[in-house]
Protein backbone atom coordinates (compact mmCIF):
# COMPACT_ATOMS: atom_id res chain seq x y z
CA MET A 1 114.16 384.64 130.94
CA THR A 2 110.97 381.97 130.94
CA ILE A 3 107.60 382.56 132.10
CA ALA A 4 106.76 380.74 134.81
CA PRO A 5 103.33 378.55 133.87
CA GLU A 6 102.05 377.80 137.38
CA ARG A 7 101.82 382.23 138.11
CA VAL A 8 100.78 382.70 135.24
CA GLU A 9 97.73 380.52 135.24
CA GLU A 10 96.67 381.48 138.81
CA THR A 11 95.55 384.87 137.22
CA VAL A 12 93.12 383.66 135.02
CA ALA A 13 90.36 384.29 136.82
CA ARG A 14 91.88 387.87 137.79
CA PRO A 15 91.53 391.52 136.95
CA LEU A 16 94.21 392.18 134.36
CA THR A 17 97.41 393.72 135.88
CA THR A 18 99.61 395.96 134.02
CA GLY A 19 102.05 392.82 133.22
CA ARG A 20 99.13 390.46 132.04
CA ALA A 21 97.88 393.25 129.97
CA ARG A 22 100.83 393.63 128.21
CA PHE A 23 100.84 389.91 127.78
CA VAL A 24 97.27 389.82 126.14
CA LEU A 25 97.96 392.62 123.70
CA ILE A 26 101.23 391.08 122.74
CA LEU A 27 99.41 387.57 121.81
CA GLY A 28 96.83 389.26 120.73
CA GLY A 29 98.77 391.21 118.43
CA LEU A 30 100.71 388.21 117.13
CA SER A 31 97.44 386.17 116.69
CA ALA A 32 95.86 388.94 115.17
CA PHE A 33 98.52 389.14 111.88
CA GLY A 34 97.30 387.06 109.82
CA PRO A 35 93.90 388.69 109.93
CA LEU A 36 95.37 392.24 110.02
CA SER A 37 97.59 391.59 106.48
CA ILE A 38 94.21 390.25 105.14
CA ASP A 39 91.57 392.68 105.61
CA MET A 40 93.96 395.98 105.63
CA TYR A 41 93.54 395.76 101.89
CA LEU A 42 90.03 394.31 101.02
CA PRO A 43 88.77 397.82 100.46
CA ALA A 44 91.74 398.29 97.86
CA LEU A 45 91.10 394.88 95.71
CA PRO A 46 88.92 396.53 93.53
CA GLN A 47 91.74 399.35 92.90
CA MET A 48 94.42 396.86 92.72
CA ALA A 49 92.52 395.25 90.03
CA GLY A 50 92.51 398.04 87.79
CA GLU A 51 95.99 399.42 88.39
CA LEU A 52 97.46 396.47 87.93
CA ARG A 53 94.79 395.81 84.48
CA ALA A 54 94.34 392.58 86.43
CA ALA A 55 91.00 390.02 86.78
CA ASP A 56 89.40 390.12 89.84
CA ALA A 57 89.93 386.35 89.82
CA THR A 58 93.57 386.94 89.48
CA VAL A 59 93.51 389.84 92.63
CA GLN A 60 91.76 387.36 94.79
CA LEU A 61 94.85 385.22 94.15
CA THR A 62 96.39 387.45 96.48
CA LEU A 63 94.43 386.46 99.11
CA SER A 64 95.28 382.38 98.39
CA ALA A 65 98.78 383.12 98.35
CA PHE A 66 99.05 384.66 101.31
CA ILE A 67 96.70 381.76 103.16
CA ILE A 68 98.46 378.87 101.42
CA GLY A 69 102.21 381.02 103.01
CA LEU A 70 100.43 381.02 106.23
CA ALA A 71 99.95 377.46 106.24
CA ILE A 72 103.49 376.48 104.79
CA GLY A 73 104.71 378.52 107.74
CA GLN A 74 103.28 377.14 110.03
CA LEU A 75 104.11 373.71 109.18
CA ILE A 76 107.45 374.54 109.59
CA LEU A 77 107.73 377.03 112.30
CA GLY A 78 105.51 375.46 114.86
CA PRO A 79 108.07 371.78 115.39
CA LEU A 80 110.96 374.29 115.08
CA SER A 81 109.65 376.35 118.01
CA ASP A 82 109.06 373.35 120.43
CA ALA A 83 112.76 372.23 119.83
CA ILE A 84 114.29 375.19 119.81
CA GLY A 85 111.76 377.77 122.09
CA ARG A 86 109.63 380.33 120.57
CA ARG A 87 111.23 383.43 120.61
CA LYS A 88 113.99 382.59 117.98
CA PRO A 89 111.82 381.36 115.34
CA LEU A 90 109.17 384.22 116.24
CA VAL A 91 111.66 387.05 115.38
CA ALA A 92 113.12 385.59 112.91
CA GLY A 93 109.32 385.55 111.02
CA LEU A 94 108.70 388.58 112.05
CA ALA A 95 111.51 389.86 110.34
CA LEU A 96 110.73 388.15 107.16
CA TYR A 97 107.18 389.36 107.53
CA MET A 98 108.55 393.15 106.83
CA VAL A 99 110.86 392.13 103.82
CA GLY A 100 107.59 390.63 102.15
CA SER A 101 105.21 393.44 103.36
CA ILE A 102 107.96 395.71 101.12
CA LEU A 103 108.04 393.83 98.30
CA CYS A 104 104.18 394.12 98.20
CA ALA A 105 104.46 397.47 98.28
CA VAL A 106 106.70 398.10 95.60
CA ALA A 107 105.05 395.12 93.25
CA PRO A 108 104.34 395.91 89.53
CA THR A 109 102.54 393.06 88.53
CA ALA A 110 99.85 391.02 89.99
CA GLU A 111 102.04 387.93 89.70
CA LEU A 112 104.85 389.79 91.57
CA LEU A 113 102.42 390.98 94.18
CA ILE A 114 101.18 387.19 94.36
CA ALA A 115 104.58 385.91 95.33
CA ALA A 116 105.22 388.68 97.36
CA ARG A 117 102.18 388.02 99.77
CA GLY A 118 103.47 384.45 99.57
CA VAL A 119 106.55 385.46 101.83
CA GLN A 120 105.06 387.70 103.69
CA ALA A 121 102.65 384.96 104.85
CA PHE A 122 105.72 382.59 105.54
CA GLY A 123 106.78 385.19 108.15
CA ALA A 124 103.05 386.26 109.28
CA ALA A 125 102.80 382.52 110.42
CA ALA A 126 105.14 382.67 113.38
CA GLY A 127 102.82 385.20 115.41
CA ILE A 128 99.87 382.82 114.94
CA VAL A 129 101.61 379.53 114.95
CA ILE A 130 103.64 380.76 117.80
CA ALA A 131 100.86 383.00 119.80
CA ARG A 132 98.93 379.65 120.19
CA ALA A 133 101.01 377.57 121.43
CA THR A 134 102.30 380.04 123.83
CA VAL A 135 98.67 380.05 125.19
CA ARG A 136 99.18 376.27 125.12
CA ASP A 137 102.25 376.45 127.07
CA LEU A 138 100.73 378.39 129.93
CA TYR A 139 97.56 376.79 130.66
CA SER A 140 95.08 373.81 130.28
CA GLY A 141 90.98 373.15 130.98
CA THR A 142 89.38 376.32 131.43
CA ALA A 143 91.90 378.48 131.65
CA MET A 144 93.24 377.89 128.09
CA THR A 145 89.90 378.30 126.95
CA LYS A 146 89.13 381.84 128.77
CA PHE A 147 92.40 382.78 127.72
CA PHE A 148 91.64 382.34 124.03
CA SER A 149 88.00 383.93 124.41
CA LEU A 150 89.93 386.73 126.13
CA LEU A 151 92.50 386.82 123.22
CA MET A 152 89.17 387.39 120.69
CA LEU A 153 89.24 390.83 122.16
CA VAL A 154 92.41 392.13 120.78
CA ASN A 155 91.77 389.55 117.30
CA GLY A 156 88.48 390.99 116.82
CA LEU A 157 89.84 394.41 116.34
CA ALA A 158 91.63 393.81 113.54
CA PRO A 159 88.80 393.36 111.47
CA ILE A 160 87.08 396.42 113.29
CA LEU A 161 89.83 398.65 112.34
CA ALA A 162 91.56 397.12 109.75
CA PRO A 163 89.38 397.54 106.81
CA ILE A 164 88.02 401.37 108.50
CA ILE A 165 92.01 402.09 108.54
CA GLY A 166 92.52 400.90 104.58
CA GLY A 167 89.69 402.58 103.38
CA GLN A 168 91.43 406.14 105.27
CA ILE A 169 94.59 405.15 103.34
CA LEU A 170 92.72 404.87 100.61
CA ASN A 171 91.79 408.73 100.70
CA TRP A 172 95.16 409.46 101.05
CA THR A 173 97.46 407.27 98.88
CA SER A 174 97.02 404.19 96.52
CA TRP A 175 96.78 400.46 97.90
CA ARG A 176 100.90 400.43 98.31
CA GLY A 177 100.35 402.55 100.66
CA VAL A 178 98.45 400.00 102.94
CA PHE A 179 101.56 397.66 102.63
CA VAL A 180 103.93 400.73 103.93
CA CYS A 181 101.70 400.63 106.95
CA LEU A 182 101.97 396.80 107.33
CA THR A 183 105.44 397.00 107.24
CA VAL A 184 105.84 399.76 109.92
CA PHE A 185 103.07 397.40 112.43
CA GLY A 186 105.69 394.58 111.63
CA GLY A 187 108.19 396.56 112.84
CA LEU A 188 106.77 397.49 115.84
CA LEU A 189 105.31 394.31 116.73
CA LEU A 190 109.17 393.19 116.25
CA ALA A 191 110.73 395.67 118.59
CA VAL A 192 107.46 394.65 121.58
CA VAL A 193 108.41 390.88 121.28
CA PHE A 194 112.08 391.12 121.44
CA PHE A 195 112.23 393.37 124.22
CA LEU A 196 109.37 392.57 126.11
CA LEU A 197 108.24 389.04 125.42
CA PRO A 198 109.63 386.26 127.37
CA GLU A 199 110.97 382.36 126.38
CA PRO A 200 107.59 380.60 127.74
CA LEU A 201 109.09 377.11 126.40
CA PRO A 202 111.90 375.89 129.01
CA GLU A 203 114.47 373.90 127.57
CA GLU A 204 113.40 371.01 129.56
CA ARG A 205 109.83 370.55 127.81
CA ARG A 206 111.66 371.10 124.35
CA THR A 207 111.48 368.28 121.37
CA PRO A 208 113.61 367.44 118.64
CA ALA A 209 113.16 368.77 115.38
CA ARG A 210 114.18 366.07 113.20
CA PHE A 211 112.53 365.75 109.75
CA GLY A 212 111.44 361.95 111.04
CA SER A 213 109.90 362.68 114.13
CA VAL A 214 108.26 365.69 112.87
CA LEU A 215 106.48 363.76 110.22
CA ARG A 216 105.61 360.91 112.92
CA LYS A 217 104.58 363.81 115.33
CA TYR A 218 102.14 365.04 112.55
CA ALA A 219 101.02 361.71 111.65
CA SER A 220 99.89 361.08 115.16
CA LEU A 221 97.71 364.21 115.06
CA LEU A 222 96.36 363.52 112.19
CA ARG A 223 95.46 359.57 113.77
CA ASP A 224 94.04 361.33 116.69
CA ARG A 225 89.96 361.36 115.45
CA GLY A 226 89.44 363.89 118.44
CA PHE A 227 92.16 366.45 117.79
CA LEU A 228 91.07 366.16 113.60
CA GLY A 229 87.40 366.69 114.24
CA TYR A 230 87.78 370.15 116.18
CA ALA A 231 90.25 371.05 113.70
CA LEU A 232 88.36 370.01 110.71
CA ALA A 233 85.38 371.88 112.36
CA SER A 234 87.29 375.23 113.16
CA GLY A 235 89.22 374.84 109.54
CA LEU A 236 85.38 374.89 107.87
CA MET A 237 84.20 377.26 109.96
CA PHE A 238 86.95 379.67 108.42
CA GLY A 239 86.62 378.59 104.97
CA SER A 240 83.14 379.82 105.30
CA LEU A 241 84.90 383.09 107.18
CA PHE A 242 87.42 383.20 104.09
CA ALA A 243 84.27 383.44 101.72
CA TYR A 244 83.27 386.37 103.06
CA ILE A 245 86.31 387.97 103.65
CA SER A 246 87.27 387.42 99.75
CA GLY A 247 83.68 387.53 98.59
CA SER A 248 82.53 390.43 100.07
CA SER A 249 84.44 393.42 98.85
CA PHE A 250 83.31 392.88 95.19
CA ALA A 251 79.85 391.83 96.63
CA LEU A 252 78.91 394.68 98.74
CA GLN A 253 80.49 397.32 96.88
CA GLY A 254 80.07 395.68 93.17
CA VAL A 255 76.33 394.48 93.84
CA TYR A 256 74.83 396.48 96.17
CA GLY A 257 77.08 399.90 95.48
CA LEU A 258 78.40 400.75 98.62
CA SER A 259 81.40 402.50 99.27
CA PRO A 260 84.98 401.91 100.52
CA GLN A 261 84.30 403.71 103.40
CA ALA A 262 80.89 402.19 104.33
CA TYR A 263 81.76 398.60 103.37
CA SER A 264 84.67 399.33 106.26
CA LEU A 265 82.11 400.26 108.39
CA VAL A 266 80.11 397.26 107.94
CA PHE A 267 83.32 395.19 107.98
CA GLY A 268 83.80 396.44 111.29
CA LEU A 269 80.49 396.15 112.55
CA ASN A 270 80.82 392.20 112.32
CA GLY A 271 84.07 392.29 113.91
CA ILE A 272 82.41 393.74 117.06
CA GLY A 273 80.22 391.25 117.13
CA ILE A 274 83.29 388.66 117.06
CA VAL A 275 84.59 390.27 120.30
CA ALA A 276 81.47 390.93 121.97
CA VAL A 277 80.75 386.80 121.12
CA GLY A 278 84.40 385.98 122.68
CA GLN A 279 83.93 387.95 125.34
CA LEU A 280 80.09 386.15 126.32
CA ASN A 281 82.13 383.11 126.01
CA GLY A 282 84.76 383.72 127.92
CA ARG A 283 82.14 384.47 131.05
CA ILE A 284 80.02 380.97 130.38
CA VAL A 285 82.45 378.91 129.91
CA GLY A 286 82.68 376.87 132.80
CA ARG A 287 79.47 376.76 133.50
CA PHE A 288 78.86 375.48 130.18
CA PRO A 289 81.12 373.03 128.66
CA GLU A 290 83.28 373.74 125.88
CA ARG A 291 81.59 371.01 123.68
CA THR A 292 78.07 372.50 124.17
CA LEU A 293 79.15 376.09 123.53
CA LEU A 294 80.71 374.78 120.22
CA THR A 295 78.10 372.86 119.33
CA VAL A 296 75.87 376.41 119.46
CA GLY A 297 78.44 378.30 117.62
CA LEU A 298 78.61 375.43 114.66
CA VAL A 299 74.28 375.39 114.50
CA VAL A 300 74.25 379.04 114.71
CA ALA A 301 77.16 379.15 111.80
CA ALA A 302 75.35 376.48 109.22
CA VAL A 303 71.62 378.33 109.81
CA ALA A 304 73.29 381.75 109.27
CA GLY A 305 75.22 380.48 106.14
CA PHE A 306 71.52 379.30 104.65
CA GLY A 307 70.42 382.53 105.59
CA VAL A 308 73.42 384.48 103.45
CA LEU A 309 73.02 381.69 100.21
CA ALA A 310 69.16 382.77 101.12
CA ALA A 311 69.61 386.47 100.75
CA SER A 312 71.70 386.12 97.94
CA ALA A 313 69.94 383.85 96.09
CA LEU A 314 66.08 385.54 96.52
CA ASP A 315 67.57 389.07 96.03
CA LEU A 316 66.17 390.01 99.87
CA GLY A 317 68.29 393.56 99.59
CA LEU A 318 71.19 394.94 101.36
CA ILE A 319 69.85 394.74 105.27
CA GLY A 320 68.64 390.96 104.24
CA LEU A 321 72.21 389.71 103.58
CA LEU A 322 73.76 392.29 106.10
CA ILE A 323 72.03 390.47 108.96
CA PRO A 324 73.19 386.79 108.71
CA LEU A 325 76.28 387.94 107.43
CA PHE A 326 76.52 389.55 111.12
CA ILE A 327 75.31 386.33 112.85
CA LEU A 328 77.68 384.13 110.91
CA VAL A 329 80.82 385.76 111.63
CA SER A 330 80.18 386.86 114.78
CA SER A 331 79.87 382.94 115.47
CA ILE A 332 83.53 382.59 115.43
CA GLY A 333 83.80 384.56 118.51
CA MET A 334 82.48 381.44 120.13
CA VAL A 335 83.58 378.57 117.78
CA ALA A 336 87.01 379.90 117.62
CA PRO A 337 88.02 379.47 121.75
CA ASN A 338 86.21 376.14 122.61
CA ALA A 339 87.44 374.61 118.93
CA SER A 340 91.17 375.88 119.84
CA SER A 341 90.86 374.73 123.24
CA LEU A 342 89.62 371.16 122.62
CA ALA A 343 91.61 370.40 119.54
CA LEU A 344 94.81 371.34 121.99
CA ALA A 345 94.02 369.99 125.29
CA GLU A 346 95.43 367.20 125.03
CA GLN A 347 98.81 368.37 123.32
CA ALA A 348 101.06 369.57 126.25
CA ARG A 349 103.95 368.00 125.11
CA SER A 350 103.76 369.08 121.11
CA ALA A 351 102.10 372.36 121.96
CA GLY A 352 104.07 373.74 118.20
CA SER A 353 103.23 371.12 115.70
CA ALA A 354 99.22 370.78 117.49
CA SER A 355 99.29 374.28 116.73
CA ALA A 356 100.57 374.19 113.42
CA LEU A 357 98.01 371.63 112.29
CA LEU A 358 95.17 373.41 113.60
CA GLY A 359 96.16 376.78 111.93
CA VAL A 360 97.27 375.05 108.48
CA LEU A 361 93.59 373.21 108.46
CA GLN A 362 92.28 376.49 109.08
CA PHE A 363 93.88 378.62 106.26
CA VAL A 364 94.20 375.68 103.42
CA VAL A 365 90.44 375.11 103.53
CA GLY A 366 90.29 378.95 103.76
CA GLY A 367 92.45 379.19 100.70
CA LEU A 368 90.42 376.71 98.64
CA ALA A 369 87.05 378.39 99.34
CA THR A 370 88.57 381.58 98.22
CA PRO A 371 88.81 381.40 94.67
CA LEU A 372 85.14 379.62 94.57
CA VAL A 373 83.81 382.90 95.09
CA GLY A 374 84.91 384.49 92.33
CA LEU A 375 83.74 381.87 90.28
CA GLY A 376 80.14 383.29 89.55
CA GLY A 377 81.70 386.95 88.17
CA PRO A 378 81.55 390.19 89.90
CA GLY A 379 77.89 390.20 89.21
CA THR A 380 76.37 388.20 92.07
CA ALA A 381 76.51 387.36 95.69
CA VAL A 382 75.28 384.26 95.13
CA PRO A 383 78.29 381.80 94.74
CA MET A 384 79.96 383.96 98.00
CA GLY A 385 76.54 382.50 99.72
CA ILE A 386 76.62 379.04 98.62
CA VAL A 387 80.45 378.50 99.98
CA MET A 388 79.37 379.93 103.37
CA ALA A 389 76.45 377.60 103.82
CA GLY A 390 78.55 374.98 102.83
CA PHE A 391 81.11 374.88 104.45
CA GLY A 392 79.21 375.91 107.69
CA VAL A 393 77.24 372.29 106.83
CA LEU A 394 80.50 370.02 106.63
CA ALA A 395 82.09 371.92 110.15
CA LEU A 396 78.75 370.95 112.08
CA LEU A 397 78.96 367.53 110.24
CA ALA A 398 83.56 367.12 111.21
CA PHE A 399 82.28 368.05 115.20
CA GLY A 400 79.15 365.72 115.02
CA THR A 401 80.72 362.48 113.42
CA MET A 402 84.03 362.74 114.59
CA THR A 403 84.40 363.88 118.30
CA ARG A 404 83.11 362.68 121.43
CA PRO A 405 83.41 364.16 124.75
CA SER A 406 86.79 363.30 126.66
CA ARG A 407 86.61 361.43 130.32
CA ALA A 408 88.01 364.28 131.87
CA LEU A 409 84.92 366.18 131.10
CA VAL A 410 82.17 363.03 131.30
CA ALA A 411 83.62 362.59 134.95
CA GLN A 412 83.31 366.64 135.18
CA ALA A 413 79.59 366.58 134.01
CA ALA A 414 78.74 363.66 136.13
């Protein structure tokens, strides 16, 4: 059974029905798969370093391995889902995620844990890339942006709940229990997808996944200056976000003395900011063009990035650091849905490949940003501030220099 795009798109401005709410929750859960798998074990990073007798920088490589695995998985699974439909790669990916999570839970060394995280990430990539492609299968224009904003309501729950759950798990068991919980979550989501998610891509809209055609499709997307500009802006912003994700656990607990539970609450508060700004974006898009909202989000993020750098370099205290951190992380709720919608707007026939490349740029840049944060050692938050500010400025520059309003947007504004 397939979903009828016209029927789904008609409901975009209406209150959630039971069926549509279920659809939002499923796609939201799939797209939150990666962030959940990252955020839940963040409070345990110092404990993991001690138990595995590994340096902080080595343990942080588990984040890099996961991000790189997400990138590779999306490159493969995106075009595959364009060819054979969304459901089969999604089910296979969720099963692989469960295997990787079990391997993480039993890993005896940091090196094996890093490898297991790569396996886990490859499976998680299916949820991320296919959820985003499914939205493009069913929506276009402002309706697509509104739905991406609606997904932020679910996506934002991951950074709110995951570190809190992770911190509570550490009260009862070790960091290995976190990966046991992720295994269970993967199994539940696999069952939900298998029984409740129809195929969103009808056969007549599928394209062959021959190696040569896939490469040509990616080359065409990389030559598309507009798509690449939006994708880079989004990816560089995610680099700033991942600098926060990888560095904040050590900075806030090691430098500023927060407990794992207090750190989880701070991390969750920033997640509330993502949810709130994402819902605001969904309400005002249509009154304001996506490009305008994206510009605002990127400018705010860049300014907040310099605030993080100033607070850490000038020792402005915990509150002085937390305020710009909150502003920067919250801006993702405006940047992500508008950048994704604008990047995918012209990619109806290759939504899986475009979604994959969009995700790859996000997570590859994030993977590059993660180890940079640890270069200054555990006693300072300055490297985190430098990376966050630098990537925020680069995101704004990529958007400003590589993109321009489409003809449709210009005509609409006129």
